[in-house]
Structure formats: C-alpha cells, structure tokens
C-alpha cells in the first residue's frame, strides 16, 4: 500500500471557487492525466508535513494545510494507493512547475471536464457535492 497526500488548493477568482489542478508529464506514471498535486509519505512524516514538503518541491509555494477530505483507496496496475486529500490555501510564493507540464485554476463547475487520474475522481465528486 502506497500512502500519498494531495493538496486541494482553493482560491476565489471573480467570486467563483476554483481549484489548482496539475497535469502530469509524459514521463510520469499516468501520463498527461490531471491531478491534485502532492506526493508519497516518507517514513516518520505526518501527512501534513508530507504535503507541505511535496507542494514546495513540486510547485515552489508554501501552503497552509486545512481540513482533511475523505481518503481514497485505488488499485492501479503499479500498486494500491491510499490518497489523503486536504483542503489547502497558498500562504506565499509563485507557482513554478518542476514535475508537471501544466496547471490551471479550474472552477468547481468545470472540474469534470478534465481527464483526471482515477484516484482523484472521488475527490472531484466530493468537492462538487459540498
């Protein structure tokens, strides 16, 4: 079982709730799929510390980790993962992609238009249902 965290970073743009989603590169597993950014938990690391570290490494920003959302377990061909999503906000910095090839601030009403990684789909649904 691979434990992974992801940041569901929300921002209000023109009075609309938008979420930061990133597109995986061609060289990553699940190439070109969209996802909420994050990464694997390291031994002895809390989920919040993992998420803070991963977002700083992948996007060059500092975040505030807020409320947890419902964890998702998904079986991929490379292994089973449990994804721990957290609502987050940006504290500082400008987004600089180091692993992904693209990012967008997607309005909640348009989240389902993106081709998400399968483990991220239940998170999209939870956001639409809140």
N, C-alpha and C. Protein backbone atom coordinates (compact mmCIF):
# COMPACT_ATOMS: atom_id res chain seq x y z
N UNK A 1 0.86 -1.19 0.00
CA UNK A 1 0.00 0.00 0.00
C UNK A 1 0.90 1.25 0.00
N UNK A 2 0.67 2.10 -0.97
CA UNK A 2 1.42 3.36 -1.07
C UNK A 2 0.52 4.46 -0.50
N UNK A 3 1.02 5.19 0.48
CA UNK A 3 0.26 6.30 1.05
C UNK A 3 0.73 7.60 0.41
N UNK A 4 -0.26 8.35 -0.09
CA UNK A 4 0.01 9.58 -0.84
C UNK A 4 -0.90 10.69 -0.32
N UNK A 5 -0.37 11.91 -0.25
CA UNK A 5 -1.19 13.06 0.13
C UNK A 5 -1.42 13.93 -1.10
N UNK A 6 -2.49 14.71 -1.07
CA UNK A 6 -2.69 15.68 -2.15
C UNK A 6 -3.35 16.94 -1.61
N UNK A 7 -2.98 18.04 -2.23
CA UNK A 7 -3.47 19.36 -1.82
C UNK A 7 -4.61 19.80 -2.73
N UNK A 8 -5.74 20.05 -2.12
CA UNK A 8 -6.89 20.60 -2.84
C UNK A 8 -6.88 22.09 -2.53
N UNK A 9 -6.13 22.83 -3.34
CA UNK A 9 -5.88 24.25 -3.08
C UNK A 9 -6.99 25.07 -3.72
N UNK A 10 -7.68 25.81 -2.87
CA UNK A 10 -8.82 26.60 -3.32
C UNK A 10 -8.47 28.08 -3.34
N UNK A 11 -9.04 28.75 -4.34
CA UNK A 11 -8.84 30.20 -4.49
C UNK A 11 -10.12 30.76 -5.09
N UNK A 12 -10.52 31.92 -4.65
CA UNK A 12 -11.70 32.58 -5.21
C UNK A 12 -11.24 33.52 -6.31
N UNK A 13 -11.73 33.27 -7.52
CA UNK A 13 -11.42 34.12 -8.67
C UNK A 13 -12.74 34.64 -9.24
N UNK A 14 -12.89 35.96 -9.29
CA UNK A 14 -14.13 36.56 -9.81
C UNK A 14 -15.37 35.97 -9.12
N UNK A 15 -15.29 35.86 -7.81
CA UNK A 15 -16.38 35.35 -6.98
C UNK A 15 -16.72 33.89 -7.26
N UNK A 16 -15.80 33.15 -7.90
CA UNK A 16 -16.00 31.74 -8.21
C UNK A 16 -14.94 30.92 -7.51
N UNK A 17 -15.36 29.84 -6.87
CA UNK A 17 -14.44 28.92 -6.22
C UNK A 17 -13.69 28.11 -7.28
N UNK A 18 -12.36 28.21 -7.27
CA UNK A 18 -11.52 27.50 -8.24
C UNK A 18 -10.50 26.65 -7.49
N UNK A 19 -10.06 25.57 -8.14
CA UNK A 19 -9.11 24.65 -7.53
C UNK A 19 -7.90 24.47 -8.44
N UNK A 20 -6.73 24.41 -7.82
CA UNK A 20 -5.49 24.21 -8.55
C UNK A 20 -5.35 22.73 -8.91
N UNK A 21 -5.27 22.46 -10.19
CA UNK A 21 -5.03 21.10 -10.66
C UNK A 21 -3.85 21.12 -11.62
N UNK A 22 -3.06 20.04 -11.59
CA UNK A 22 -1.84 19.97 -12.37
C UNK A 22 -1.89 18.78 -13.32
N UNK A 23 -1.24 18.96 -14.48
CA UNK A 23 -1.20 17.90 -15.47
C UNK A 23 0.14 17.18 -15.39
N UNK A 24 0.07 15.86 -15.27
CA UNK A 24 1.26 15.03 -15.19
C UNK A 24 2.01 15.06 -16.52
N UNK A 25 3.33 14.93 -16.45
CA UNK A 25 4.14 14.93 -17.68
C UNK A 25 4.04 13.59 -18.39
N UNK A 26 4.55 13.55 -19.62
CA UNK A 26 4.56 12.33 -20.41
C UNK A 26 5.42 11.25 -19.79
N UNK A 27 6.40 11.64 -18.95
CA UNK A 27 7.35 10.70 -18.36
C UNK A 27 6.88 10.12 -17.03
N UNK A 28 5.80 10.65 -16.48
CA UNK A 28 5.29 10.18 -15.19
C UNK A 28 4.33 9.01 -15.41
N UNK A 29 4.12 8.24 -14.34
CA UNK A 29 3.02 7.27 -14.39
C UNK A 29 1.74 8.06 -14.63
N UNK A 30 0.77 7.45 -15.29
CA UNK A 30 -0.48 8.13 -15.64
C UNK A 30 -0.19 9.40 -16.45
N UNK A 31 0.54 9.28 -17.55
CA UNK A 31 0.94 10.45 -18.33
C UNK A 31 -0.24 11.29 -18.79
N UNK A 32 -0.06 12.59 -18.65
CA UNK A 32 -0.99 13.64 -19.10
C UNK A 32 -2.32 13.68 -18.35
N UNK A 33 -2.48 12.85 -17.34
CA UNK A 33 -3.69 12.93 -16.50
C UNK A 33 -3.57 14.15 -15.60
N UNK A 34 -4.73 14.68 -15.21
CA UNK A 34 -4.79 15.81 -14.28
C UNK A 34 -4.92 15.27 -12.87
N UNK A 35 -4.40 16.02 -11.90
CA UNK A 35 -4.45 15.58 -10.51
C UNK A 35 -4.36 16.78 -9.58
N UNK A 36 -4.74 16.52 -8.34
CA UNK A 36 -4.46 17.47 -7.27
C UNK A 36 -3.03 17.15 -6.85
N UNK A 37 -2.13 18.16 -6.80
CA UNK A 37 -0.72 17.88 -6.56
C UNK A 37 -0.44 17.35 -5.16
N UNK A 38 0.63 16.59 -5.06
CA UNK A 38 1.03 16.02 -3.76
C UNK A 38 2.09 14.97 -3.99
N UNK A 39 2.20 14.04 -3.04
CA UNK A 39 3.22 13.00 -3.19
C UNK A 39 3.21 12.00 -2.07
N UNK A 40 4.18 11.08 -2.16
CA UNK A 40 4.28 9.95 -1.24
C UNK A 40 4.75 10.36 0.15
N UNK A 41 4.13 9.71 1.12
CA UNK A 41 4.51 9.87 2.52
C UNK A 41 5.85 9.17 2.75
N UNK A 42 6.77 9.84 3.44
CA UNK A 42 8.04 9.24 3.80
C UNK A 42 7.95 8.71 5.22
N UNK A 43 8.78 7.72 5.59
CA UNK A 43 8.72 7.15 6.95
C UNK A 43 8.88 8.23 8.02
N UNK A 44 8.00 8.19 9.04
CA UNK A 44 8.06 9.11 10.15
C UNK A 44 7.47 10.48 9.88
N UNK A 45 6.97 10.72 8.67
CA UNK A 45 6.44 12.02 8.28
C UNK A 45 4.93 12.06 8.52
N UNK A 46 4.43 13.18 9.04
CA UNK A 46 2.98 13.33 9.14
C UNK A 46 2.42 13.64 7.76
N UNK A 47 1.14 13.40 7.58
CA UNK A 47 0.51 13.71 6.29
C UNK A 47 0.63 15.19 5.96
N UNK A 48 0.45 16.04 6.97
CA UNK A 48 0.54 17.48 6.75
C UNK A 48 1.96 17.90 6.38
N UNK A 49 2.96 17.33 7.05
CA UNK A 49 4.36 17.66 6.72
C UNK A 49 4.71 17.17 5.32
N UNK A 50 4.23 15.99 4.96
CA UNK A 50 4.46 15.45 3.61
C UNK A 50 3.89 16.41 2.57
N UNK A 51 2.68 16.84 2.79
CA UNK A 51 2.02 17.70 1.81
C UNK A 51 2.73 19.04 1.67
N UNK A 52 3.11 19.62 2.79
CA UNK A 52 3.84 20.89 2.76
C UNK A 52 5.15 20.74 1.99
N UNK A 53 5.89 19.66 2.26
CA UNK A 53 7.16 19.40 1.58
C UNK A 53 6.95 19.17 0.08
N UNK A 54 6.01 18.30 -0.27
CA UNK A 54 5.79 17.95 -1.67
C UNK A 54 5.36 19.17 -2.50
N UNK A 55 4.47 19.99 -1.95
CA UNK A 55 3.98 21.15 -2.71
C UNK A 55 5.10 22.17 -2.89
N UNK A 56 5.94 22.31 -1.88
CA UNK A 56 7.08 23.22 -2.01
C UNK A 56 8.05 22.70 -3.08
N UNK A 57 8.31 21.37 -3.10
CA UNK A 57 9.22 20.78 -4.08
C UNK A 57 8.64 20.85 -5.50
N UNK A 58 7.36 20.52 -5.65
CA UNK A 58 6.76 20.42 -6.98
C UNK A 58 6.31 21.75 -7.56
N UNK A 59 5.88 22.68 -6.69
CA UNK A 59 5.29 23.93 -7.18
C UNK A 59 6.00 25.19 -6.69
N UNK A 60 6.91 25.06 -5.74
CA UNK A 60 7.65 26.22 -5.26
C UNK A 60 6.83 27.18 -4.42
N UNK A 61 5.75 26.71 -3.82
CA UNK A 61 4.90 27.57 -2.99
C UNK A 61 4.77 27.00 -1.58
N UNK A 62 4.45 27.88 -0.67
CA UNK A 62 4.16 27.48 0.73
C UNK A 62 2.64 27.45 0.87
N UNK A 63 2.15 26.39 1.52
CA UNK A 63 0.71 26.26 1.71
C UNK A 63 0.36 26.14 3.18
N UNK A 64 -0.89 26.43 3.47
CA UNK A 64 -1.47 26.13 4.77
C UNK A 64 -2.37 24.93 4.57
N UNK A 65 -2.11 23.86 5.34
CA UNK A 65 -2.92 22.65 5.26
C UNK A 65 -4.09 22.82 6.22
N UNK A 66 -5.30 22.73 5.68
CA UNK A 66 -6.51 22.94 6.48
C UNK A 66 -7.23 21.62 6.72
N UNK A 67 -8.46 21.51 6.32
CA UNK A 67 -9.29 20.36 6.65
C UNK A 67 -9.04 19.16 5.75
N UNK A 68 -9.06 17.95 6.35
CA UNK A 68 -8.95 16.75 5.52
C UNK A 68 -10.26 16.47 4.80
N UNK A 69 -10.15 15.88 3.62
CA UNK A 69 -11.30 15.37 2.89
C UNK A 69 -11.28 13.84 3.03
N UNK A 70 -12.20 13.16 2.40
CA UNK A 70 -12.31 11.71 2.52
C UNK A 70 -11.16 11.01 1.79
N UNK A 71 -10.41 10.14 2.49
CA UNK A 71 -9.34 9.39 1.82
C UNK A 71 -9.92 8.47 0.74
N UNK A 72 -9.09 8.20 -0.28
CA UNK A 72 -9.48 7.38 -1.42
C UNK A 72 -8.46 6.24 -1.57
N UNK A 73 -8.94 5.01 -1.66
CA UNK A 73 -8.06 3.88 -1.96
C UNK A 73 -8.36 3.43 -3.39
N UNK A 74 -7.28 3.26 -4.16
CA UNK A 74 -7.45 2.87 -5.56
C UNK A 74 -6.36 1.88 -5.96
N UNK A 75 -6.76 0.86 -6.71
CA UNK A 75 -5.81 -0.12 -7.22
C UNK A 75 -5.39 0.27 -8.64
N UNK A 76 -4.11 0.61 -8.79
CA UNK A 76 -3.54 0.85 -10.11
C UNK A 76 -2.77 -0.40 -10.54
N UNK A 77 -2.34 -0.46 -11.79
CA UNK A 77 -1.54 -1.61 -12.23
C UNK A 77 -0.17 -1.63 -11.57
N UNK A 78 0.31 -0.51 -11.07
CA UNK A 78 1.62 -0.44 -10.41
C UNK A 78 1.51 -0.61 -8.89
N UNK A 79 0.30 -0.71 -8.35
CA UNK A 79 0.12 -0.91 -6.92
C UNK A 79 -1.12 -0.22 -6.39
N UNK A 80 -1.40 -0.50 -5.14
CA UNK A 80 -2.58 0.07 -4.49
C UNK A 80 -2.15 1.32 -3.71
N UNK A 81 -2.91 2.40 -3.87
CA UNK A 81 -2.59 3.62 -3.14
C UNK A 81 -3.77 4.04 -2.27
N UNK A 82 -3.45 4.71 -1.19
CA UNK A 82 -4.46 5.45 -0.44
C UNK A 82 -4.06 6.91 -0.53
N UNK A 83 -4.98 7.70 -1.03
CA UNK A 83 -4.76 9.12 -1.26
C UNK A 83 -5.46 9.91 -0.16
N UNK A 84 -4.69 10.73 0.55
CA UNK A 84 -5.21 11.54 1.65
C UNK A 84 -5.29 13.00 1.19
N UNK A 85 -6.48 13.47 0.81
CA UNK A 85 -6.62 14.85 0.35
C UNK A 85 -6.87 15.83 1.50
N UNK A 86 -6.35 17.03 1.36
CA UNK A 86 -6.56 18.10 2.33
C UNK A 86 -6.91 19.38 1.60
N UNK A 87 -7.90 20.10 2.12
CA UNK A 87 -8.15 21.46 1.63
C UNK A 87 -6.99 22.33 2.07
N UNK A 88 -6.49 23.16 1.18
CA UNK A 88 -5.32 23.99 1.46
C UNK A 88 -5.50 25.37 0.86
N UNK A 89 -4.68 26.30 1.35
CA UNK A 89 -4.60 27.63 0.77
C UNK A 89 -3.13 27.98 0.59
N UNK A 90 -2.84 28.85 -0.36
CA UNK A 90 -1.47 29.30 -0.59
C UNK A 90 -1.13 30.39 0.42
N UNK A 91 0.00 30.23 1.09
CA UNK A 91 0.50 31.25 2.03
C UNK A 91 1.44 32.22 1.32
N UNK A 92 2.32 31.68 0.46
CA UNK A 92 3.28 32.55 -0.23
C UNK A 92 3.90 31.83 -1.42
N UNK A 93 4.49 32.65 -2.28
CA UNK A 93 5.22 32.13 -3.43
C UNK A 93 4.43 32.19 -4.72
N UNK A 94 5.14 31.97 -5.80
CA UNK A 94 4.56 31.92 -7.14
C UNK A 94 4.76 30.50 -7.67
N UNK A 95 3.76 29.97 -8.33
CA UNK A 95 3.83 28.60 -8.84
C UNK A 95 4.90 28.48 -9.92
N UNK A 96 5.82 27.51 -9.71
CA UNK A 96 6.85 27.16 -10.68
C UNK A 96 6.83 25.65 -10.80
N UNK A 97 6.41 25.14 -11.94
CA UNK A 97 6.29 23.69 -12.12
C UNK A 97 7.67 23.04 -12.24
N UNK A 98 7.89 21.97 -11.46
CA UNK A 98 9.15 21.22 -11.55
C UNK A 98 8.93 19.80 -12.07
N UNK A 99 7.71 19.27 -11.95
CA UNK A 99 7.42 17.91 -12.41
C UNK A 99 6.28 17.87 -13.42
N UNK A 100 5.29 18.70 -13.21
CA UNK A 100 4.11 18.72 -14.08
C UNK A 100 4.38 19.58 -15.31
N UNK A 101 3.53 19.39 -16.34
CA UNK A 101 3.72 20.20 -17.56
C UNK A 101 2.74 21.36 -17.67
N UNK A 102 1.70 21.35 -16.82
CA UNK A 102 0.71 22.42 -16.90
C UNK A 102 -0.06 22.48 -15.59
N UNK A 103 -0.69 23.64 -15.35
CA UNK A 103 -1.62 23.76 -14.24
C UNK A 103 -2.71 24.74 -14.63
N UNK A 104 -3.86 24.60 -14.00
CA UNK A 104 -4.96 25.53 -14.19
C UNK A 104 -5.68 25.74 -12.87
N UNK A 105 -6.31 26.91 -12.76
CA UNK A 105 -7.27 27.17 -11.67
C UNK A 105 -8.63 26.86 -12.27
N UNK A 106 -9.17 25.72 -11.96
CA UNK A 106 -10.39 25.24 -12.59
C UNK A 106 -11.60 25.53 -11.69
N UNK A 107 -12.62 26.20 -12.24
CA UNK A 107 -13.85 26.40 -11.46
C UNK A 107 -14.47 25.05 -11.10
N UNK A 108 -15.08 24.99 -9.96
CA UNK A 108 -15.67 23.74 -9.49
C UNK A 108 -16.66 23.16 -10.51
N UNK A 109 -17.38 24.04 -11.20
CA UNK A 109 -18.38 23.57 -12.17
C UNK A 109 -17.75 22.91 -13.40
N UNK A 110 -16.45 23.15 -13.63
CA UNK A 110 -15.78 22.60 -14.82
C UNK A 110 -14.74 21.52 -14.49
N UNK A 111 -14.66 21.12 -13.23
CA UNK A 111 -13.66 20.12 -12.85
C UNK A 111 -13.82 18.82 -13.63
N UNK A 112 -15.05 18.40 -13.87
CA UNK A 112 -15.27 17.11 -14.54
C UNK A 112 -14.89 17.14 -16.02
N UNK A 113 -14.57 18.30 -16.56
CA UNK A 113 -14.16 18.38 -17.96
C UNK A 113 -12.71 17.94 -18.19
N UNK A 114 -11.94 17.83 -17.09
CA UNK A 114 -10.54 17.41 -17.21
C UNK A 114 -10.42 15.90 -17.09
N UNK A 115 -9.39 15.33 -17.69
CA UNK A 115 -9.13 13.89 -17.65
C UNK A 115 -8.27 13.59 -16.41
N UNK A 116 -8.95 13.39 -15.28
CA UNK A 116 -8.27 13.17 -14.00
C UNK A 116 -7.74 11.75 -13.86
N UNK A 117 -6.68 11.61 -13.06
CA UNK A 117 -6.23 10.29 -12.63
C UNK A 117 -7.37 9.64 -11.85
N UNK A 118 -7.58 8.34 -12.00
CA UNK A 118 -8.72 7.69 -11.37
C UNK A 118 -8.85 7.91 -9.86
N UNK A 119 -7.75 7.92 -9.12
CA UNK A 119 -7.84 8.11 -7.67
C UNK A 119 -8.32 9.50 -7.30
N UNK A 120 -8.18 10.46 -8.19
CA UNK A 120 -8.61 11.84 -7.91
C UNK A 120 -10.09 12.06 -8.18
N UNK A 121 -10.71 11.17 -8.94
CA UNK A 121 -12.12 11.37 -9.32
C UNK A 121 -13.08 11.44 -8.12
N UNK A 122 -12.92 10.58 -7.09
CA UNK A 122 -13.82 10.72 -5.93
C UNK A 122 -13.65 12.06 -5.20
N UNK A 123 -12.47 12.65 -5.27
CA UNK A 123 -12.25 13.96 -4.65
C UNK A 123 -13.00 15.03 -5.43
N UNK A 124 -12.94 14.95 -6.75
CA UNK A 124 -13.71 15.87 -7.60
C UNK A 124 -15.19 15.79 -7.24
N UNK A 125 -15.69 14.57 -7.10
CA UNK A 125 -17.10 14.38 -6.77
C UNK A 125 -17.45 14.95 -5.39
N UNK A 126 -16.56 14.73 -4.43
CA UNK A 126 -16.79 15.27 -3.08
C UNK A 126 -16.85 16.79 -3.11
N UNK A 127 -15.97 17.42 -3.88
CA UNK A 127 -15.98 18.89 -4.00
C UNK A 127 -17.28 19.37 -4.62
N UNK A 128 -17.75 18.68 -5.65
CA UNK A 128 -18.99 19.09 -6.32
C UNK A 128 -20.21 18.91 -5.40
N UNK A 129 -20.13 17.97 -4.47
CA UNK A 129 -21.25 17.68 -3.58
C UNK A 129 -21.29 18.53 -2.32
N UNK A 130 -20.23 19.32 -2.06
CA UNK A 130 -20.25 20.08 -0.81
C UNK A 130 -21.06 21.33 -0.90
